[in-house]
PDB file of N, CA and C in Angstrom:
ATOM      1  N   UNK A   1     -22.883  72.922  44.217  1.00  0.00           N
ATOM      2  CA  UNK A   1     -24.207  73.311  44.599  1.00  0.00           C
ATOM      3  C   UNK A   1     -24.226  73.563  46.103  1.00  0.00           C
ATOM      4  N   UNK A   2     -24.903  74.626  46.496  1.00  0.00           N
ATOM      5  CA  UNK A   2     -24.982  75.009  47.906  1.00  0.00           C
ATOM      6  C   UNK A   2     -25.980  74.130  48.652  1.00  0.00           C
ATOM      7  N   UNK A   3     -25.605  73.699  49.848  1.00  0.00           N
ATOM      8  CA  UNK A   3     -26.531  72.969  50.707  1.00  0.00           C
ATOM      9  C   UNK A   3     -27.403  73.998  51.414  1.00  0.00           C
ATOM     10  N   UNK A   4     -28.668  74.073  51.031  1.00  0.00           N
ATOM     11  CA  UNK A   4     -29.565  75.094  51.578  1.00  0.00           C
ATOM     12  C   UNK A   4     -30.277  74.660  52.849  1.00  0.00           C
ATOM     13  N   UNK A   5     -30.003  73.436  53.318  1.00  0.00           N
ATOM     14  CA  UNK A   5     -30.743  72.915  54.479  1.00  0.00           C
ATOM     15  C   UNK A   5     -30.567  73.772  55.726  1.00  0.00           C
ATOM     16  N   UNK A   6     -29.478  74.504  55.833  1.00  0.00           N
ATOM     17  CA  UNK A   6     -29.257  75.344  57.019  1.00  0.00           C
ATOM     18  C   UNK A   6     -29.657  76.800  56.800  1.00  0.00           C
ATOM     19  N   UNK A   7     -30.134  77.127  55.598  1.00  0.00           N
ATOM     20  CA  UNK A   7     -30.499  78.514  55.288  1.00  0.00           C
ATOM     21  C   UNK A   7     -31.986  78.752  55.475  1.00  0.00           C
ATOM     22  N   UNK A   8     -32.329  79.945  55.917  1.00  0.00           N
ATOM     23  CA  UNK A   8     -33.732  80.351  56.039  1.00  0.00           C
ATOM     24  C   UNK A   8     -34.150  81.049  54.747  1.00  0.00           C
ATOM     25  N   UNK A   9     -35.290  80.670  54.171  1.00  0.00           N
ATOM     26  CA  UNK A   9     -35.725  81.358  52.948  1.00  0.00           C
ATOM     27  C   UNK A   9     -36.105  82.810  53.231  1.00  0.00           C
ATOM     28  N   UNK A  10     -35.719  83.701  52.323  1.00  0.00           N
ATOM     29  CA  UNK A  10     -36.097  85.106  52.397  1.00  0.00           C
ATOM     30  C   UNK A  10     -37.490  85.280  51.817  1.00  0.00           C
ATOM     31  N   UNK A  11     -37.789  84.505  50.771  1.00  0.00           N
ATOM     32  CA  UNK A  11     -39.096  84.556  50.122  1.00  0.00           C
ATOM     33  C   UNK A  11     -39.417  83.189  49.531  1.00  0.00           C
ATOM     34  N   UNK A  12     -40.702  82.860  49.526  1.00  0.00           N
ATOM     35  CA  UNK A  12     -41.200  81.650  48.871  1.00  0.00           C
ATOM     36  C   UNK A  12     -42.195  82.100  47.820  1.00  0.00           C
ATOM     37  N   UNK A  13     -41.978  81.647  46.600  1.00  0.00           N
ATOM     38  CA  UNK A  13     -42.822  82.054  45.483  1.00  0.00           C
ATOM     39  C   UNK A  13     -43.826  80.959  45.209  1.00  0.00           C
ATOM     40  N   UNK A  14     -45.038  81.212  45.499  1.00  0.00           N
ATOM     41  CA  UNK A  14     -46.183  80.312  45.401  1.00  0.00           C
ATOM     42  C   UNK A  14     -46.696  80.141  46.816  1.00  0.00           C
ATOM     43  N   UNK A  15     -46.163  79.177  47.527  1.00  0.00           N
ATOM     44  CA  UNK A  15     -46.544  78.993  48.917  1.00  0.00           C
ATOM     45  C   UNK A  15     -47.936  78.459  49.136  1.00  0.00           C
ATOM     46  N   UNK A  16     -48.639  78.116  48.059  1.00  0.00           N
ATOM     47  CA  UNK A  16     -50.009  77.638  48.178  1.00  0.00           C
ATOM     48  C   UNK A  16     -50.097  76.124  48.181  1.00  0.00           C
ATOM     49  N   UNK A  17     -48.964  75.467  48.198  1.00  0.00           N
ATOM     50  CA  UNK A  17     -48.965  74.010  48.128  1.00  0.00           C
ATOM     51  C   UNK A  17     -47.692  73.474  48.779  1.00  0.00           C
ATOM     52  N   UNK A  18     -47.523  72.196  48.706  1.00  0.00           N
ATOM     53  CA  UNK A  18     -46.306  71.567  49.226  1.00  0.00           C
ATOM     54  C   UNK A  18     -45.501  70.961  48.078  1.00  0.00           C
ATOM     55  N   UNK A  19     -45.437  71.672  46.957  1.00  0.00           N
ATOM     56  CA  UNK A  19     -44.780  71.134  45.758  1.00  0.00           C
ATOM     57  C   UNK A  19     -43.288  71.431  45.724  1.00  0.00           C
ATOM     58  N   UNK A  20     -42.740  72.034  46.755  1.00  0.00           N
ATOM     59  CA  UNK A  20     -41.345  72.439  46.691  1.00  0.00           C
ATOM     60  C   UNK A  20     -41.220  73.766  45.974  1.00  0.00           C
ATOM     61  N   UNK A  21     -42.049  74.691  46.311  1.00  0.00           N
ATOM     62  CA  UNK A  21     -42.127  75.990  45.639  1.00  0.00           C
ATOM     63  C   UNK A  21     -40.757  76.651  45.519  1.00  0.00           C
ATOM     64  N   UNK A  22     -40.546  77.436  44.453  1.00  0.00           N
ATOM     65  CA  UNK A  22     -39.294  78.184  44.319  1.00  0.00           C
ATOM     66  C   UNK A  22     -39.068  79.085  45.537  1.00  0.00           C
ATOM     67  N   UNK A  23     -37.801  79.186  45.952  1.00  0.00           N
ATOM     68  CA  UNK A  23     -37.465  79.991  47.118  1.00  0.00           C
ATOM     69  C   UNK A  23     -36.205  80.816  46.861  1.00  0.00           C
ATOM     70  N   UNK A  24     -36.091  81.908  47.605  1.00  0.00           N
ATOM     71  CA  UNK A  24     -34.936  82.802  47.553  1.00  0.00           C
ATOM     72  C   UNK A  24     -34.227  82.733  48.899  1.00  0.00           C
ATOM     73  N   UNK A  25     -32.901  82.541  48.859  1.00  0.00           N
ATOM     74  CA  UNK A  25     -32.079  82.475  50.055  1.00  0.00           C
ATOM     75  C   UNK A  25     -30.903  83.440  49.923  1.00  0.00           C
ATOM     76  N   UNK A  26     -30.366  83.872  51.066  1.00  0.00           N
ATOM     77  CA  UNK A  26     -29.103  84.600  51.098  1.00  0.00           C
ATOM     78  C   UNK A  26     -28.145  83.752  51.921  1.00  0.00           C
ATOM     79  N   UNK A  27     -27.066  83.327  51.283  1.00  0.00           N
ATOM     80  CA  UNK A  27     -26.055  82.509  51.948  1.00  0.00           C
ATOM     81  C   UNK A  27     -24.883  83.406  52.322  1.00  0.00           C
ATOM     82  N   UNK A  28     -24.888  83.896  53.533  1.00  0.00           N
ATOM     83  CA  UNK A  28     -23.854  84.828  54.001  1.00  0.00           C
ATOM     84  C   UNK A  28     -22.469  84.196  54.025  1.00  0.00           C
ATOM     85  N   UNK A  29     -22.388  82.872  54.099  1.00  0.00           N
ATOM     86  CA  UNK A  29     -21.094  82.188  54.148  1.00  0.00           C
ATOM     87  C   UNK A  29     -20.497  81.958  52.754  1.00  0.00           C
ATOM     88  N   UNK A  30     -21.283  82.157  51.714  1.00  0.00           N
ATOM     89  CA  UNK A  30     -20.809  81.922  50.349  1.00  0.00           C
ATOM     90  C   UNK A  30     -19.966  83.093  49.860  1.00  0.00           C
ATOM     91  N   UNK A  31     -19.141  82.853  48.847  1.00  0.00           N
ATOM     92  CA  UNK A  31     -18.416  83.975  48.235  1.00  0.00           C
ATOM     93  C   UNK A  31     -19.409  85.001  47.693  1.00  0.00           C
ATOM     94  N   UNK A  32     -19.011  86.257  47.646  1.00  0.00           N
ATOM     95  CA  UNK A  32     -19.925  87.337  47.255  1.00  0.00           C
ATOM     96  C   UNK A  32     -20.603  87.085  45.919  1.00  0.00           C
ATOM     97  N   UNK A  33     -19.907  86.460  44.980  1.00  0.00           N
ATOM     98  CA  UNK A  33     -20.488  86.239  43.652  1.00  0.00           C
ATOM     99  C   UNK A  33     -21.502  85.092  43.613  1.00  0.00           C
ATOM    100  N   UNK A  34     -21.692  84.404  44.758  1.00  0.00           N
ATOM    101  CA  UNK A  34     -22.633  83.282  44.820  1.00  0.00           C
ATOM    102  C   UNK A  34     -23.563  83.366  46.025  1.00  0.00           C
ATOM    103  N   UNK A  35     -23.696  84.544  46.597  1.00  0.00           N
ATOM    104  CA  UNK A  35     -24.414  84.711  47.862  1.00  0.00           C
ATOM    105  C   UNK A  35     -25.934  84.546  47.739  1.00  0.00           C
ATOM    106  N   UNK A  36     -26.507  84.941  46.620  1.00  0.00           N
ATOM    107  CA  UNK A  36     -27.950  84.802  46.424  1.00  0.00           C
ATOM    108  C   UNK A  36     -28.225  83.445  45.797  1.00  0.00           C
ATOM    109  N   UNK A  37     -29.161  82.702  46.371  1.00  0.00           N
ATOM    110  CA  UNK A  37     -29.501  81.368  45.876  1.00  0.00           C
ATOM    111  C   UNK A  37     -31.006  81.328  45.617  1.00  0.00           C
ATOM    112  N   UNK A  38     -31.371  80.942  44.391  1.00  0.00           N
ATOM    113  CA  UNK A  38     -32.771  80.755  44.042  1.00  0.00           C
ATOM    114  C   UNK A  38     -32.951  79.289  43.676  1.00  0.00           C
ATOM    115  N   UNK A  39     -33.917  78.642  44.313  1.00  0.00           N
ATOM    116  CA  UNK A  39     -34.203  77.237  44.019  1.00  0.00           C
ATOM    117  C   UNK A  39     -35.518  77.134  43.264  1.00  0.00           C
ATOM    118  N   UNK A  40     -35.675  76.036  42.515  1.00  0.00           N
ATOM    119  CA  UNK A  40     -36.955  75.797  41.854  1.00  0.00           C
ATOM    120  C   UNK A  40     -37.600  74.550  42.450  1.00  0.00           C
ATOM    121  N   UNK A  41     -38.764  74.199  41.933  1.00  0.00           N
ATOM    122  CA  UNK A  41     -39.487  73.065  42.496  1.00  0.00           C
ATOM    123  C   UNK A  41     -38.983  71.717  41.980  1.00  0.00           C
ATOM    124  N   UNK A  42     -37.893  71.716  41.193  1.00  0.00           N
ATOM    125  CA  UNK A  42     -37.285  70.483  40.718  1.00  0.00           C
ATOM    126  C   UNK A  42     -35.963  70.185  41.429  1.00  0.00           C
ATOM    127  N   UNK A  43     -35.618  71.004  42.424  1.00  0.00           N
ATOM    128  CA  UNK A  43     -34.393  70.806  43.180  1.00  0.00           C
ATOM    129  C   UNK A  43     -33.164  71.465  42.574  1.00  0.00           C
ATOM    130  N   UNK A  44     -33.350  72.232  41.508  1.00  0.00           N
ATOM    131  CA  UNK A  44     -32.242  72.948  40.888  1.00  0.00           C
ATOM    132  C   UNK A  44     -32.058  74.292  41.586  1.00  0.00           C
ATOM    133  N   UNK A  45     -30.905  74.917  41.372  1.00  0.00           N
ATOM    134  CA  UNK A  45     -30.680  76.221  41.973  1.00  0.00           C
ATOM    135  C   UNK A  45     -29.782  77.079  41.090  1.00  0.00           C
ATOM    136  N   UNK A  46     -29.940  78.370  41.275  1.00  0.00           N
ATOM    137  CA  UNK A  46     -29.124  79.372  40.607  1.00  0.00           C
ATOM    138  C   UNK A  46     -28.459  80.178  41.705  1.00  0.00           C
ATOM    139  N   UNK A  47     -27.164  80.435  41.543  1.00  0.00           N
ATOM    140  CA  UNK A  47     -26.433  81.256  42.503  1.00  0.00           C
ATOM    141  C   UNK A  47     -25.923  82.487  41.771  1.00  0.00           C
ATOM    142  N   UNK A  48     -26.008  83.645  42.428  1.00  0.00           N
ATOM    143  CA  UNK A  48     -25.557  84.892  41.815  1.00  0.00           C
ATOM    144  C   UNK A  48     -25.179  85.884  42.901  1.00  0.00           C
ATOM    145  N   UNK A  49     -24.570  86.971  42.467  1.00  0.00           N
ATOM    146  CA  UNK A  49     -24.205  88.020  43.418  1.00  0.00           C
ATOM    147  C   UNK A  49     -25.431  88.866  43.758  1.00  0.00           C
ATOM    148  N   UNK A  50     -25.320  89.598  44.837  1.00  0.00           N
ATOM    149  CA  UNK A  50     -26.397  90.511  45.221  1.00  0.00           C
ATOM    150  C   UNK A  50     -26.593  91.582  44.148  1.00  0.00           C
ATOM    151  N   UNK A  51     -25.515  92.024  43.513  1.00  0.00           N
ATOM    152  CA  UNK A  51     -25.627  93.010  42.438  1.00  0.00           C
ATOM    153  C   UNK A  51     -26.398  92.450  41.247  1.00  0.00           C
ATOM    154  N   UNK A  52     -26.109  91.207  40.871  1.00  0.00           N
ATOM    155  CA  UNK A  52     -26.832  90.580  39.767  1.00  0.00           C
ATOM    156  C   UNK A  52     -28.312  90.449  40.104  1.00  0.00           C
ATOM    157  N   UNK A  53     -28.608  90.012  41.319  1.00  0.00           N
ATOM    158  CA  UNK A  53     -30.007  89.869  41.715  1.00  0.00           C
ATOM    159  C   UNK A  53     -30.688  91.232  41.753  1.00  0.00           C
ATOM    160  N   UNK A  54     -29.989  92.238  42.253  1.00  0.00           N
ATOM    161  CA  UNK A  54     -30.532  93.594  42.283  1.00  0.00           C
ATOM    162  C   UNK A  54     -30.878  94.089  40.891  1.00  0.00           C
ATOM    163  N   UNK A  55     -30.062  93.740  39.914  1.00  0.00           N
ATOM    164  CA  UNK A  55     -30.328  94.117  38.532  1.00  0.00           C
ATOM    165  C   UNK A  55     -31.618  93.472  38.030  1.00  0.00           C
ATOM    166  N   UNK A  56     -31.826  92.207  38.357  1.00  0.00           N
ATOM    167  CA  UNK A  56     -33.073  91.525  37.969  1.00  0.00           C
ATOM    168  C   UNK A  56     -34.267  92.208  38.612  1.00  0.00           C
ATOM    169  N   UNK A  57     -34.155  92.528  39.880  1.00  0.00           N
ATOM    170  CA  UNK A  57     -35.259  93.193  40.588  1.00  0.00           C
ATOM    171  C   UNK A  57     -35.568  94.545  39.951  1.00  0.00           C
ATOM    172  N   UNK A  58     -34.543  95.329  39.651  1.00  0.00           N
ATOM    173  CA  UNK A  58     -34.754  96.637  39.020  1.00  0.00           C
ATOM    174  C   UNK A  58     -35.418  96.502  37.656  1.00  0.00           C
ATOM    175  N   UNK A  59     -34.971  95.533  36.864  1.00  0.00           N
ATOM    176  CA  UNK A  59     -35.572  95.299  35.549  1.00  0.00           C
ATOM    177  C   UNK A  59     -37.046  94.924  35.704  1.00  0.00           C
ATOM    178  N   UNK A  60     -37.346  94.092  36.693  1.00  0.00           N
ATOM    179  CA  UNK A  60     -38.738  93.693  36.924  1.00  0.00           C
ATOM    180  C   UNK A  60     -39.579  94.892  37.349  1.00  0.00           C
ATOM    181  N   UNK A  61     -39.051  95.709  38.245  1.00  0.00           N
ATOM    182  CA  UNK A  61     -39.773  96.894  38.704  1.00  0.00           C
ATOM    183  C   UNK A  61     -40.028  97.866  37.556  1.00  0.00           C
ATOM    184  N   UNK A  62     -39.099  97.911  36.596  1.00  0.00           N
ATOM    185  CA  UNK A  62     -39.231  98.811  35.450  1.00  0.00           C
ATOM    186  C   UNK A  62     -40.175  98.252  34.389  1.00  0.00           C
ATOM    187  N   UNK A  63     -40.687  97.048  34.616  1.00  0.00           N
ATOM    188  CA  UNK A  63     -41.647  96.474  33.680  1.00  0.00           C
ATOM    189  C   UNK A  63     -41.034  95.647  32.560  1.00  0.00           C
ATOM    190  N   UNK A  64     -39.730  95.443  32.591  1.00  0.00           N
ATOM    191  CA  UNK A  64     -39.078  94.724  31.496  1.00  0.00           C
ATOM    192  C   UNK A  64     -39.435  93.241  31.434  1.00  0.00           C
ATOM    193  N   UNK A  65     -40.018  92.710  32.470  1.00  0.00           N
ATOM    194  CA  UNK A  65     -40.434  91.299  32.451  1.00  0.00           C
ATOM    195  C   UNK A  65     -41.936  91.131  32.215  1.00  0.00           C
ATOM    196  N   UNK A  66     -42.643  92.234  32.055  1.00  0.00           N
ATOM    197  CA  UNK A  66     -44.088  92.179  31.894  1.00  0.00           C
ATOM    198  C   UNK A  66     -44.540  91.451  30.638  1.00  0.00           C
ATOM    199  N   UNK A  67     -43.687  91.377  29.637  1.00  0.00           N
ATOM    200  CA  UNK A  67     -44.082  90.728  28.385  1.00  0.00           C
ATOM    201  C   UNK A  67     -43.958  89.211  28.429  1.00  0.00           C
ATOM    202  N   UNK A  68     -43.417  88.660  29.516  1.00  0.00           N
ATOM    203  CA  UNK A  68     -43.302  87.219  29.631  1.00  0.00           C
ATOM    204  C   UNK A  68     -44.690  86.638  29.818  1.00  0.00           C
ATOM    205  N   UNK A  69     -45.045  85.708  28.959  1.00  0.00           N
ATOM    206  CA  UNK A  69     -46.374  85.094  29.015  1.00  0.00           C
ATOM    207  C   UNK A  69     -46.408  84.070  30.145  1.00  0.00           C
ATOM    208  N   UNK A  70     -47.285  84.284  31.075  1.00  0.00           N
ATOM    209  CA  UNK A  70     -47.501  83.340  32.184  1.00  0.00           C
ATOM    210  C   UNK A  70     -48.804  82.607  31.868  1.00  0.00           C
ATOM    211  N   UNK A  71     -48.677  81.309  31.680  1.00  0.00           N
ATOM    212  CA  UNK A  71     -49.851  80.509  31.311  1.00  0.00           C
ATOM    213  C   UNK A  71     -50.399  79.808  32.499  1.00  0.00           C
TER     214      UNK A  71
END
């Protein structure tokens, strides 16, 4: 697991509280396949390549995630 304490978040998702909101980081020192780091509010994280993250962003922009029910 990457130590994110020295990384600056690129984006914070929520930001309306102090609950440990999910955040997006770019770890330039990590191997290319683990450079993007997404954390959740439970202290877990996902690491992926910039290409993998770009694919998620493109799918979201194309509306492929619109059917996910947000309660």
